[in-house]
Amino acid sequence: MYDIGSYLAYLAISIGLTIWVAQTLSKNGLVFLIECFGHDETLAKSTNHLLVVGFYLVNLGWILLTLRFGNPPETAVEAIRFLSGKIGVVVVALGLMHFFNMNAIAKFGRKVGSWFREEQWAAKAAGEEA
């Protein structure tokens, strides 16, 4: 009796959380990416979009795959336990994805930032020689 409603609630809450987290990270992460990429806004926006697409794919895939695990609830109490367990797993997965993305961006951003600094130093050196 509670299984269909619980599954629908799980999907609605999990997908809603995924969309909210993706939009929040995208909006606030863009500033960080612009700085990492030497103020190249086009590159930062493109990278931001690619990160959001990857974030959606991984998290929505995880949500759909975990749908099959666990016993369908038969009572209201089981439905609450079912939802809290499944949504808890999704929240942890979203957090892990966030930290994974931040780590990757930080490493990649430092590398790209060093490339931009090298270009700036080379341009300054060339300007001083002229």
Protein backbone atom coordinates (compact mmCIF):
# COMPACT_ATOMS: atom_id res chain seq x y z
CA MET A 1 0.00 0.00 0.00
CA TYR A 2 2.82 2.41 0.84
CA ASP A 3 5.26 1.20 -1.80
CA ILE A 4 4.19 3.27 -4.84
CA GLY A 5 3.82 6.46 -2.80
CA SER A 6 7.19 5.89 -1.14
CA TYR A 7 8.94 5.29 -4.45
CA LEU A 8 7.35 8.40 -5.97
CA ALA A 9 8.26 10.48 -2.93
CA TYR A 10 11.83 9.13 -3.07
CA LEU A 11 12.16 10.06 -6.74
CA ALA A 12 10.61 13.50 -6.30
CA ILE A 13 12.71 14.42 -3.26
CA SER A 14 15.95 12.96 -4.62
CA ILE A 15 15.61 14.52 -8.05
CA GLY A 16 14.56 17.83 -6.49
CA LEU A 17 17.62 17.77 -4.21
CA THR A 18 19.87 16.94 -7.15
CA ILE A 19 18.52 19.85 -9.20
CA TRP A 20 18.85 22.27 -6.27
CA VAL A 21 22.42 21.19 -5.48
CA ALA A 22 23.45 21.32 -9.15
CA GLN A 23 22.03 24.83 -9.59
CA THR A 24 23.62 26.05 -6.36
CA LEU A 25 27.02 24.60 -7.24
CA SER A 26 26.81 25.90 -10.80
CA LYS A 27 25.88 29.45 -9.79
CA ASN A 28 28.42 29.76 -7.00
CA GLY A 29 31.11 27.66 -8.67
CA LEU A 30 31.23 29.84 -11.77
CA VAL A 31 32.99 32.63 -9.87
CA PHE A 32 35.58 30.13 -8.66
CA LEU A 33 36.09 28.71 -12.15
CA ILE A 34 36.51 32.16 -13.69
CA GLU A 35 39.28 32.85 -11.21
CA CYS A 36 40.87 29.42 -11.77
CA PHE A 37 40.90 29.90 -15.52
CA GLY A 38 42.65 33.24 -15.52
CA HIS A 39 39.41 35.21 -15.93
CA ASP A 40 38.58 33.40 -19.17
CA GLU A 41 34.81 33.53 -18.76
CA THR A 42 34.06 31.44 -21.86
CA LEU A 43 36.26 28.57 -20.67
CA ALA A 44 34.85 28.82 -17.15
CA LYS A 45 31.22 28.74 -18.35
CA SER A 46 31.92 25.81 -20.66
CA THR A 47 33.65 23.85 -17.90
CA ASN A 48 30.87 24.72 -15.46
CA HIS A 49 28.24 23.39 -17.88
CA LEU A 50 30.18 20.17 -18.44
CA LEU A 51 30.51 19.67 -14.68
CA VAL A 52 26.77 20.18 -14.21
CA VAL A 53 25.93 17.66 -16.94
CA GLY A 54 28.29 15.10 -15.41
CA PHE A 55 26.85 15.82 -11.96
CA TYR A 56 23.31 15.18 -13.22
CA LEU A 57 24.26 12.00 -15.04
CA VAL A 58 26.07 10.44 -12.09
CA ASN A 59 23.53 11.46 -9.46
CA LEU A 60 20.40 10.64 -11.45
CA GLY A 61 21.94 7.29 -12.39
CA TRP A 62 22.68 6.63 -8.72
CA ILE A 63 19.11 7.56 -7.74
CA LEU A 64 17.64 5.25 -10.33
CA LEU A 65 19.98 2.36 -9.53
CA THR A 66 19.31 2.55 -5.79
CA LEU A 67 15.57 2.47 -6.43
CA ARG A 68 15.72 -1.32 -6.67
CA PHE A 69 17.41 -1.88 -3.30
CA GLY A 70 15.53 -2.43 -0.08
CA ASN A 71 12.17 -3.93 0.77
CA PRO A 72 9.06 -2.00 -0.23
CA PRO A 73 7.38 -0.49 2.83
CA GLU A 74 4.09 -1.93 4.01
CA THR A 75 3.33 0.45 6.88
CA ALA A 76 3.66 4.18 7.45
CA VAL A 77 6.60 3.63 9.82
CA GLU A 78 8.38 1.47 7.24
CA ALA A 79 7.71 4.14 4.61
CA ILE A 80 9.41 6.77 6.76
CA ARG A 81 12.38 4.47 7.37
CA PHE A 82 12.50 3.61 3.68
CA LEU A 83 12.49 7.26 2.63
CA SER A 84 15.00 8.39 5.25
CA GLY A 85 17.41 5.61 4.32
CA LYS A 86 17.18 6.13 0.58
CA ILE A 87 17.28 9.93 0.74
CA GLY A 88 20.14 9.74 3.22
CA VAL A 89 22.14 7.69 0.72
CA VAL A 90 21.37 10.25 -2.01
CA VAL A 91 22.44 13.16 0.22
CA VAL A 92 25.72 11.41 1.04
CA ALA A 93 26.27 10.68 -2.67
CA LEU A 94 25.60 14.35 -3.51
CA GLY A 95 28.10 15.42 -0.84
CA LEU A 96 30.73 13.01 -2.12
CA MET A 97 30.21 14.22 -5.69
CA HIS A 98 30.59 17.81 -4.51
CA PHE A 99 33.90 17.09 -2.77
CA PHE A 100 35.12 15.04 -5.73
CA ASN A 101 34.29 17.90 -8.11
CA MET A 102 35.90 20.51 -5.84
CA ASN A 103 39.06 18.42 -5.57
CA ALA A 104 39.23 17.93 -9.33
CA ILE A 105 38.55 21.62 -10.01
CA ALA A 106 41.15 22.71 -7.48
CA LYS A 107 43.80 20.47 -9.04
CA PHE A 108 42.84 21.36 -12.59
CA GLY A 109 42.43 25.03 -11.73
CA ARG A 110 45.93 25.21 -10.24
CA LYS A 111 47.34 23.61 -13.39
CA VAL A 112 45.44 25.90 -15.75
CA GLY A 113 46.23 28.89 -13.52
CA SER A 114 49.93 28.08 -13.77
CA TRP A 115 49.62 27.98 -17.56
CA PHE A 116 48.06 31.44 -17.55
CA ARG A 117 50.73 32.76 -15.20
CA GLU A 118 53.45 31.28 -17.44
CA GLU A 119 51.86 33.03 -20.45
CA GLN A 120 51.69 36.31 -18.53
CA TRP A 121 55.35 36.02 -17.46
CA ALA A 122 56.37 35.18 -21.02
CA ALA A 123 54.42 38.18 -22.34
CA LYS A 124 56.01 40.46 -19.75
CA ALA A 125 59.48 39.10 -20.55
CA ALA A 126 58.88 39.61 -24.27
CA GLY A 127 57.63 43.16 -23.62
CA GLU A 128 60.70 44.01 -21.53
CA GLU A 129 63.06 42.74 -24.21
CA ALA A 130 61.48 44.91 -26.92
